Amino acid sequence: PRFCFPNRRRYMVQFVRRMQKYILRKLVGPFAFFLLSLTGVIWLMQSLRFVDLIINKGLSASYFGQLTLLVLPGVLNIILPIALFAAVLYVYNNLDGDSEIVVMRTSGLGNFSLARPAIVFALGVTIVGYFLSLYLMPTGQRAFKDMKSSLRNNLSYVLLQEGTFNTIGDSLTVYIRARQSGGEMLGILVHDSRVKNRPVTMIAEKGVIVRTDAGPRFIMVNGNRQEIDHRAGQLSLLQFDRYVLDLRQFVQQDDERWLEPGERYLRELFWPGTGADDLANVGRMRAEGHDRLAAPLYSLTFTMIALAAVLAGEFNRRGRRLRIVMAIGCVVAVRVAGLGLVGLSAKLPTLISLLYLNGFLTMAICLYALVHGRFWPRRRGSLAPDSLEPL
């Protein structure tokens, strides 16, 4: 053997690397397929919330596209570990079903050598997950909330629909006959009942809503103002060429909006401000910050679960359906436990360490199974299941 293979060690190293690159290449396609499929489904479900803005509110398609893109980092942060788990389980199960893993093992590859391509791939996905979790997701959420707040405050495009009586708050009703492309409105009727004993009705030929430093203003042109004094029983009528109605109390000012935990970066979660809302939500923000650090690790955890389900244990000609079902159940249990611990740790800070232990303990159990070939040590004198099967 030494004469036939003078560089046997170098040959084996090259062979192992080729096999690992082969497995790594096979992981790319299924991972991309599962990622695109799951992301598309969940992204579509998220986008359905904004369809009403286009159909009934007259929002442009480009604005709709921006809103849906801003929620994409949060969707990817959830989908990445699941897509990776599905890809690893699919590829390794196919390799096992085609007896390629058996051939690789007889060529000298152990469980850890077989698992290394998936672990390296999972490390890359984990790094991407941290970039999403720590930067893109809070950036997208903050921009998303700002756009929603801007839409909510943009009365002319969102709240005021032509041909209908639009109620703003509890005391203002606006009707417009038509809206032109430049934002100008025609055929305006406004009923203002903020002062209960002196309701005001205004009729104008045209008008426009403008934003000023002091808040939005409704400027009406060529109309009249009718005010009824119920106590005195009198009606006063005022003809005007230009009338300005203050709408400041019906919108939220930009500086009044409180940043929710999902919109904050890691530094802002662990070191919040001294405002009343910040102090009241310290627990929520601390739990959110630790979840941002623990969530990307699910890529490694789910990968180890998939590898342990396929590689650990003896070869079984009847397949590994039961192990695959158990692996899926384990992934669901780990993820549900993580979500539950986020809510509990917001109230009980002592449970924060369980956010990390949830993933690390699962990875340790799966690593033990890969190294020893099974989840628990075999009893002395017991026979392997394959030894009872015919050759």
Protein backbone atom coordinates (compact mmCIF):
# COMPACT_ATOMS: atom_id res chain seq x y z
CA PRO A 1 0.00 0.00 0.00
CA ARG A 2 2.83 2.38 0.74
CA PHE A 3 4.32 1.63 -2.69
CA CYS A 4 1.04 2.12 -4.51
CA PHE A 5 0.10 5.34 -2.65
CA PRO A 6 3.30 7.18 -1.71
CA ASN A 7 1.28 10.34 -0.91
CA ARG A 8 -1.66 8.61 0.73
CA ARG A 9 -2.12 11.26 3.43
CA ARG A 10 -2.19 14.12 0.93
CA TYR A 11 -4.55 12.15 -1.29
CA MET A 12 -6.94 11.58 1.62
CA VAL A 13 -6.87 15.26 2.54
CA GLN A 14 -7.69 16.22 -1.04
CA PHE A 15 -10.43 13.59 -1.19
CA VAL A 16 -12.03 14.86 2.01
CA ARG A 17 -11.94 18.43 0.75
CA ARG A 18 -13.52 17.44 -2.54
CA MET A 19 -16.30 15.59 -0.79
CA GLN A 20 -16.94 18.52 1.52
CA LYS A 21 -17.02 20.96 -1.41
CA TYR A 22 -19.40 18.57 -3.16
CA ILE A 23 -21.77 18.61 -0.20
CA LEU A 24 -21.43 22.39 0.14
CA ARG A 25 -22.39 22.92 -3.51
CA LYS A 26 -25.42 20.69 -3.10
CA LEU A 27 -26.60 22.83 -0.15
CA VAL A 28 -26.70 26.10 -2.10
CA GLY A 29 -29.56 25.25 -4.47
CA PRO A 30 -32.07 23.85 -1.92
CA PHE A 31 -31.25 26.64 0.53
CA ALA A 32 -31.98 29.29 -2.11
CA PHE A 33 -35.19 27.49 -3.10
CA PHE A 34 -36.52 27.17 0.46
CA LEU A 35 -35.45 30.72 1.31
CA LEU A 36 -37.16 32.27 -1.70
CA SER A 37 -40.29 30.14 -1.31
CA LEU A 38 -40.81 30.77 2.40
CA THR A 39 -39.88 34.44 2.11
CA GLY A 40 -42.28 34.91 -0.78
CA VAL A 41 -45.18 33.34 1.10
CA ILE A 42 -44.65 35.26 4.34
CA TRP A 43 -43.83 38.49 2.53
CA LEU A 44 -47.06 38.18 0.56
CA MET A 45 -49.03 37.64 3.76
CA GLN A 46 -47.41 40.72 5.28
CA SER A 47 -48.08 42.75 2.14
CA LEU A 48 -51.80 42.00 2.22
CA ARG A 49 -52.07 44.40 5.17
CA PHE A 50 -51.22 47.29 2.85
CA VAL A 51 -53.45 46.40 -0.10
CA ASP A 52 -56.22 48.56 1.38
CA LEU A 53 -53.93 51.58 1.08
CA ILE A 54 -53.81 51.12 -2.69
CA ILE A 55 -57.42 50.09 -3.35
CA ASN A 56 -59.29 52.39 -0.99
CA LYS A 57 -56.79 55.09 -0.03
CA GLY A 58 -55.27 55.83 -3.43
CA LEU A 59 -51.68 55.14 -2.39
CA SER A 60 -49.18 54.79 -5.24
CA ALA A 61 -47.66 51.42 -6.12
CA SER A 62 -44.14 52.71 -5.47
CA TYR A 63 -45.08 53.72 -1.93
CA PHE A 64 -46.63 50.29 -1.42
CA GLY A 65 -43.42 48.67 -2.66
CA GLN A 66 -41.34 50.68 -0.21
CA LEU A 67 -43.53 49.65 2.71
CA THR A 68 -43.33 45.96 1.84
CA LEU A 69 -39.55 46.08 1.30
CA LEU A 70 -39.01 47.63 4.73
CA VAL A 71 -40.58 44.61 6.46
CA LEU A 72 -38.36 42.20 4.50
CA PRO A 73 -35.38 42.18 6.96
CA GLY A 74 -37.67 41.10 9.79
CA VAL A 75 -39.11 38.34 7.60
CA LEU A 76 -35.64 37.13 6.58
CA ASN A 77 -34.49 37.08 10.19
CA ILE A 78 -37.17 34.46 10.93
CA ILE A 79 -36.92 32.54 7.65
CA LEU A 80 -33.14 32.08 7.39
CA PRO A 81 -32.76 29.39 10.12
CA ILE A 82 -35.85 27.51 8.91
CA ALA A 83 -34.72 27.54 5.27
CA LEU A 84 -31.26 26.35 6.29
CA PHE A 85 -32.71 23.53 8.39
CA ALA A 86 -34.90 22.39 5.50
CA ALA A 87 -31.96 22.51 3.05
CA VAL A 88 -29.58 20.57 5.31
CA LEU A 89 -32.20 17.96 6.12
CA TYR A 90 -33.15 17.57 2.44
CA VAL A 91 -29.58 17.30 1.11
CA TYR A 92 -28.21 14.95 3.77
CA ASN A 93 -31.28 12.75 3.69
CA ASN A 94 -30.93 12.42 -0.10
CA LEU A 95 -27.23 11.61 0.26
CA ASP A 96 -28.13 8.97 2.84
CA GLY A 97 -30.93 7.56 0.68
CA ASP A 98 -28.60 7.25 -2.32
CA SER A 99 -25.98 5.52 -0.12
CA GLU A 100 -23.48 8.31 -0.83
CA ILE A 101 -22.91 8.85 2.88
CA VAL A 102 -22.17 5.13 3.28
CA VAL A 103 -19.58 5.35 0.50
CA MET A 104 -18.00 8.45 2.06
CA ARG A 105 -17.80 6.73 5.44
CA THR A 106 -16.13 3.66 3.96
CA SER A 107 -13.64 6.05 2.33
CA GLY A 108 -12.62 7.35 5.74
CA LEU A 109 -14.94 10.32 6.43
CA GLY A 110 -16.39 10.50 9.93
CA ASN A 111 -19.53 12.22 11.10
CA PHE A 112 -17.75 15.47 11.86
CA SER A 113 -16.08 15.55 8.43
CA LEU A 114 -19.47 14.96 6.81
CA ALA A 115 -21.10 17.63 8.94
CA ARG A 116 -18.40 20.27 8.42
CA PRO A 117 -19.81 21.71 5.11
CA ALA A 118 -23.21 22.30 6.68
CA ILE A 119 -21.64 23.83 9.81
CA VAL A 120 -19.49 26.18 7.71
CA PHE A 121 -22.55 27.12 5.67
CA ALA A 122 -24.51 27.73 8.88
CA LEU A 123 -21.75 29.99 10.22
CA GLY A 124 -22.05 32.14 7.10
CA VAL A 125 -25.83 32.31 7.46
CA THR A 126 -25.39 33.21 11.15
CA ILE A 127 -23.18 36.16 10.23
CA VAL A 128 -25.82 37.35 7.76
CA GLY A 129 -28.43 36.87 10.48
CA TYR A 130 -26.50 39.13 12.87
CA PHE A 131 -26.28 41.81 10.17
CA LEU A 132 -30.04 41.57 9.69
CA SER A 133 -30.83 41.45 13.40
CA LEU A 134 -28.51 44.21 14.60
CA TYR A 135 -28.72 46.69 11.73
CA LEU A 136 -31.12 46.07 8.84
CA MET A 137 -34.13 45.02 10.91
CA PRO A 138 -34.21 48.06 13.28
CA THR A 139 -33.40 50.36 10.35
CA GLY A 140 -36.26 48.93 8.30
CA GLN A 141 -38.69 48.96 11.21
CA ARG A 142 -37.87 52.56 12.05
CA ALA A 143 -38.30 53.69 8.45
CA PHE A 144 -41.51 51.62 8.21
CA LYS A 145 -43.01 53.24 11.30
CA ASP A 146 -41.99 56.69 10.07
CA MET A 147 -43.69 56.09 6.72
CA LYS A 148 -46.85 54.82 8.42
CA SER A 149 -46.86 57.85 10.71
CA SER A 150 -46.36 60.14 7.71
CA LEU A 151 -49.24 58.45 5.88
CA ARG A 152 -51.45 58.70 8.92
CA ASN A 153 -50.71 62.41 9.20
CA ASN A 154 -51.11 63.04 5.48
CA LEU A 155 -54.80 63.81 5.66
CA SER A 156 -55.24 64.78 2.01
CA TYR A 157 -54.16 61.40 0.62
CA VAL A 158 -55.09 58.90 3.31
CA LEU A 159 -58.07 60.17 5.29
CA LEU A 160 -59.86 62.38 2.78
CA GLN A 161 -61.44 60.28 0.06
CA GLU A 162 -63.50 61.87 -2.68
CA GLY A 163 -67.22 61.28 -2.87
CA THR A 164 -67.59 60.20 0.79
CA PHE A 165 -68.08 61.83 4.18
CA ASN A 166 -64.70 61.48 5.92
CA THR A 167 -64.66 61.59 9.71
CA ILE A 168 -61.46 62.94 11.29
CA GLY A 169 -61.40 62.34 14.99
CA ASP A 170 -64.75 62.64 16.76
CA SER A 171 -65.66 66.19 15.82
CA LEU A 172 -64.70 66.91 12.21
CA THR A 173 -66.46 65.68 9.06
CA VAL A 174 -65.12 66.51 5.59
CA TYR A 175 -66.67 65.90 2.17
CA ILE A 176 -64.86 66.54 -1.10
CA ARG A 177 -66.41 66.12 -4.54
CA ALA A 178 -63.18 65.49 -6.47
CA ARG A 179 -59.40 65.60 -6.11
CA GLN A 180 -57.00 66.80 -8.76
CA SER A 181 -53.53 65.42 -9.44
CA GLY A 182 -51.73 68.30 -7.74
CA GLY A 183 -53.48 67.66 -4.42
CA GLU A 184 -56.12 70.38 -4.92
CA MET A 185 -59.66 69.40 -3.82
CA LEU A 186 -62.91 70.61 -5.34
CA GLY A 187 -66.40 70.93 -3.86
CA ILE A 188 -65.55 71.01 -0.14
CA LEU A 189 -67.92 70.74 2.81
CA VAL A 190 -66.55 70.77 6.39
CA HIS A 191 -68.59 70.35 9.57
CA ASP A 192 -66.66 71.25 12.73
CA SER A 193 -68.29 70.35 16.07
CA ARG A 194 -65.29 70.73 18.37
CA VAL A 195 -67.22 73.43 20.22
CA LYS A 196 -70.45 71.61 21.11
CA ASN A 197 -72.68 74.66 21.52
CA ARG A 198 -71.31 76.45 18.43
CA PRO A 199 -70.97 73.99 15.50
CA VAL A 200 -69.53 75.40 12.30
CA THR A 201 -70.21 74.37 8.71
CA MET A 202 -67.96 75.59 5.87
CA ILE A 203 -68.53 75.27 2.14
CA ALA A 204 -65.83 76.14 -0.40
CA GLU A 205 -65.22 75.79 -4.12
CA LYS A 206 -61.72 74.39 -3.71
CA GLY A 207 -58.99 73.92 -1.17
CA VAL A 208 -55.73 72.18 -0.29
CA ILE A 209 -54.06 70.76 2.81
CA VAL A 210 -50.53 72.06 3.44
CA ARG A 211 -47.98 71.08 6.05
CA THR A 212 -46.37 73.88 8.05
CA ASP A 213 -43.95 73.99 10.96
CA ALA A 214 -46.92 74.52 13.27
CA GLY A 215 -48.85 71.55 11.83
CA PRO A 216 -51.21 70.86 8.91
CA ARG A 217 -53.56 73.58 7.67
CA PHE A 218 -56.67 73.23 5.48
CA ILE A 219 -56.78 76.26 3.16
CA MET A 220 -60.20 76.81 1.55
CA VAL A 221 -60.94 79.31 -1.23
CA ASN A 222 -64.21 81.04 -2.24
CA GLY A 223 -66.79 79.85 0.23
CA ASN A 224 -68.86 80.66 3.30
CA ARG A 225 -68.76 79.84 6.99
CA GLN A 226 -72.00 79.17 8.92
CA GLU A 227 -71.94 79.11 12.73
CA ILE A 228 -74.92 78.33 14.94
CA ASP A 229 -75.09 79.59 18.52
CA HIS A 230 -77.55 77.24 20.23
CA ARG A 231 -77.70 79.27 23.41
CA ALA A 232 -78.59 82.52 21.64
CA GLY A 233 -80.49 80.78 18.86
CA GLN A 234 -78.65 82.73 16.15
CA LEU A 235 -77.00 81.85 12.84
CA SER A 236 -74.01 83.84 11.62
CA LEU A 237 -72.88 83.67 8.00
CA LEU A 238 -69.46 84.72 6.76
CA GLN A 239 -68.40 84.89 3.13
CA PHE A 240 -64.66 84.40 2.58
CA ASP A 241 -62.18 84.41 -0.25
CA ARG A 242 -59.62 82.42 1.76
CA TYR A 243 -60.08 80.58 5.03
CA VAL A 244 -57.50 78.56 7.01
CA LEU A 245 -58.60 75.68 9.27
CA ASP A 246 -56.13 74.39 11.87
CA LEU A 247 -55.86 70.55 11.84
CA ARG A 248 -52.95 70.25 14.26
CA GLN A 249 -54.87 68.42 16.96
CA PHE A 250 -55.86 65.61 14.58
CA VAL A 251 -52.36 64.46 13.75
CA GLN A 252 -49.45 63.21 15.82
CA GLN A 253 -46.32 65.30 15.76
CA ASP A 254 -43.14 63.54 14.62
CA ASP A 255 -41.25 64.32 17.82
CA GLU A 256 -44.03 62.77 19.91
CA ARG A 257 -43.61 59.25 18.53
CA TRP A 258 -41.98 56.79 20.94
CA LEU A 259 -39.54 54.34 19.41
CA GLU A 260 -40.70 50.79 20.06
CA PRO A 261 -38.14 48.05 20.96
CA GLY A 262 -38.25 46.65 17.42
CA GLU A 263 -37.11 50.01 16.02
CA ARG A 264 -34.12 50.44 18.29
CA TYR A 265 -30.52 49.46 17.76
CA LEU A 266 -28.68 47.32 20.27
CA ARG A 267 -27.13 50.27 22.09
CA GLU A 268 -30.55 51.92 22.48
CA LEU A 269 -32.03 48.70 23.87
CA PHE A 270 -29.44 48.12 26.56
CA TRP A 271 -29.01 51.82 27.41
CA PRO A 272 -32.44 53.47 26.90
CA GLY A 273 -33.27 57.06 27.68
CA THR A 274 -34.69 58.52 30.87
CA GLY A 275 -38.16 59.26 29.50
CA ALA A 276 -41.28 57.88 31.15
CA ASP A 277 -41.99 55.43 28.33
CA ASP A 278 -38.39 54.21 28.29
CA LEU A 279 -38.35 53.61 32.02
CA ALA A 280 -41.68 51.78 31.86
CA ASN A 281 -40.40 49.41 29.14
CA VAL A 282 -36.87 48.68 30.33
CA GLY A 283 -37.67 44.97 30.69
CA ARG A 284 -39.09 44.71 27.18
CA MET A 285 -36.11 46.46 25.64
CA ARG A 286 -33.60 44.34 27.57
CA ALA A 287 -35.34 41.15 26.46
CA GLU A 288 -35.47 42.41 22.86
CA GLY A 289 -31.74 43.16 22.94
CA HIS A 290 -30.81 39.67 24.16
CA ASP A 291 -33.18 38.13 21.62
CA ARG A 292 -31.36 40.05 18.86
CA LEU A 293 -28.13 38.40 20.02
CA ALA A 294 -29.61 34.91 20.45
CA ALA A 295 -31.92 34.67 17.42
CA PRO A 296 -29.19 34.38 14.70
CA LEU A 297 -27.76 31.37 16.58
CA TYR A 298 -30.85 29.39 15.57
CA SER A 299 -29.17 28.85 12.20
CA LEU A 300 -26.45 26.81 13.89
CA THR A 301 -28.89 25.13 16.27
CA PHE A 302 -31.28 23.99 13.55
CA THR A 303 -28.38 22.82 11.39
CA MET A 304 -27.04 20.66 14.21
CA ILE A 305 -30.51 19.17 14.75
CA ALA A 306 -30.76 18.24 11.06
CA LEU A 307 -27.24 16.75 11.03
CA ALA A 308 -27.86 14.71 14.17
CA ALA A 309 -31.12 13.38 12.74
CA VAL A 310 -29.42 12.06 9.59
CA LEU A 311 -25.83 11.24 10.60
CA ALA A 312 -26.21 10.00 14.18
CA GLY A 313 -27.15 6.39 14.78
CA GLU A 314 -26.81 3.29 12.66
CA PHE A 315 -27.73 3.00 9.01
CA ASN A 316 -31.31 1.88 8.51
CA ARG A 317 -32.50 0.56 5.14
CA ARG A 318 -36.06 1.52 6.00
CA GLY A 319 -35.11 5.20 6.00
CA ARG A 320 -35.14 7.88 8.67
CA ARG A 321 -38.72 9.13 8.57
CA LEU A 322 -39.17 8.93 12.31
CA ARG A 323 -35.96 10.87 12.92
CA ILE A 324 -36.97 13.54 10.41
CA VAL A 325 -40.33 13.97 12.15
CA MET A 326 -38.57 14.18 15.51
CA ALA A 327 -36.10 16.74 14.12
CA ILE A 328 -38.96 18.92 12.87
CA GLY A 329 -40.68 18.64 16.23
CA CYS A 330 -37.45 19.57 17.99
CA VAL A 331 -37.03 22.67 15.80
CA VAL A 332 -40.60 23.75 16.52
CA ALA A 333 -40.10 23.19 20.25
CA VAL A 334 -36.83 25.15 20.36
CA ARG A 335 -38.26 28.09 18.40
CA VAL A 336 -41.50 28.22 20.40
CA ALA A 337 -39.49 28.05 23.62
CA GLY A 338 -37.35 30.95 22.40
CA LEU A 339 -40.40 33.08 21.61
CA GLY A 340 -41.93 32.28 24.98
CA LEU A 341 -38.72 33.10 26.83
CA VAL A 342 -38.58 36.56 25.23
CA GLY A 343 -41.94 37.45 26.76
CA LEU A 344 -41.12 35.86 30.12
CA SER A 345 -37.67 37.41 30.39
CA ALA A 346 -39.22 40.84 29.91
CA LYS A 347 -41.00 40.30 33.23
CA LEU A 348 -38.39 38.07 34.91
CA PRO A 349 -34.85 39.21 34.02
CA THR A 350 -33.39 36.08 35.66
CA LEU A 351 -34.67 34.02 32.71
CA ILE A 352 -32.58 35.91 30.14
CA SER A 353 -29.79 33.32 30.31
CA LEU A 354 -32.29 30.69 29.11
CA LEU A 355 -32.51 32.51 25.77
CA TYR A 356 -28.92 31.45 25.09
CA LEU A 357 -29.11 28.12 26.91
CA ASN A 358 -32.07 27.13 24.72
CA GLY A 359 -29.84 27.05 21.65
CA PHE A 360 -26.48 26.10 23.14
CA LEU A 361 -27.84 23.11 25.07
CA THR A 362 -29.53 21.77 21.93
CA MET A 363 -26.30 22.21 19.96
CA ALA A 364 -24.32 20.41 22.67
CA ILE A 365 -26.67 17.41 22.63
CA CYS A 366 -26.52 17.20 18.83
CA LEU A 367 -22.72 17.55 18.85
CA TYR A 368 -22.47 14.69 21.33
CA ALA A 369 -24.61 12.56 19.05
CA LEU A 370 -22.41 13.36 16.05
CA VAL A 371 -19.18 12.60 17.88
CA HIS A 372 -20.36 9.37 19.53
CA GLY A 373 -22.67 8.27 16.71
CA ARG A 374 -25.81 8.15 18.88
CA PHE A 375 -27.70 10.21 21.47
CA TRP A 376 -27.06 7.86 24.36
CA PRO A 377 -24.33 5.27 25.02
CA ARG A 378 -25.05 1.73 23.89
CA ARG A 379 -25.46 -0.88 26.58
CA ARG A 380 -22.57 -3.26 26.99
CA GLY A 381 -23.15 -6.50 25.17
CA SER A 382 -26.05 -5.16 23.07
CA LEU A 383 -26.13 -5.70 19.32
CA ALA A 384 -26.49 -2.98 16.76
CA PRO A 385 -29.81 -3.01 14.93
CA ASP A 386 -28.09 -3.58 11.59
CA SER A 387 -26.41 -6.72 12.89
CA LEU A 388 -29.83 -8.37 13.08
CA GLU A 389 -30.72 -7.57 9.47
CA PRO A 390 -29.74 -9.78 6.56
CA LEU A 391 -26.84 -8.62 4.40
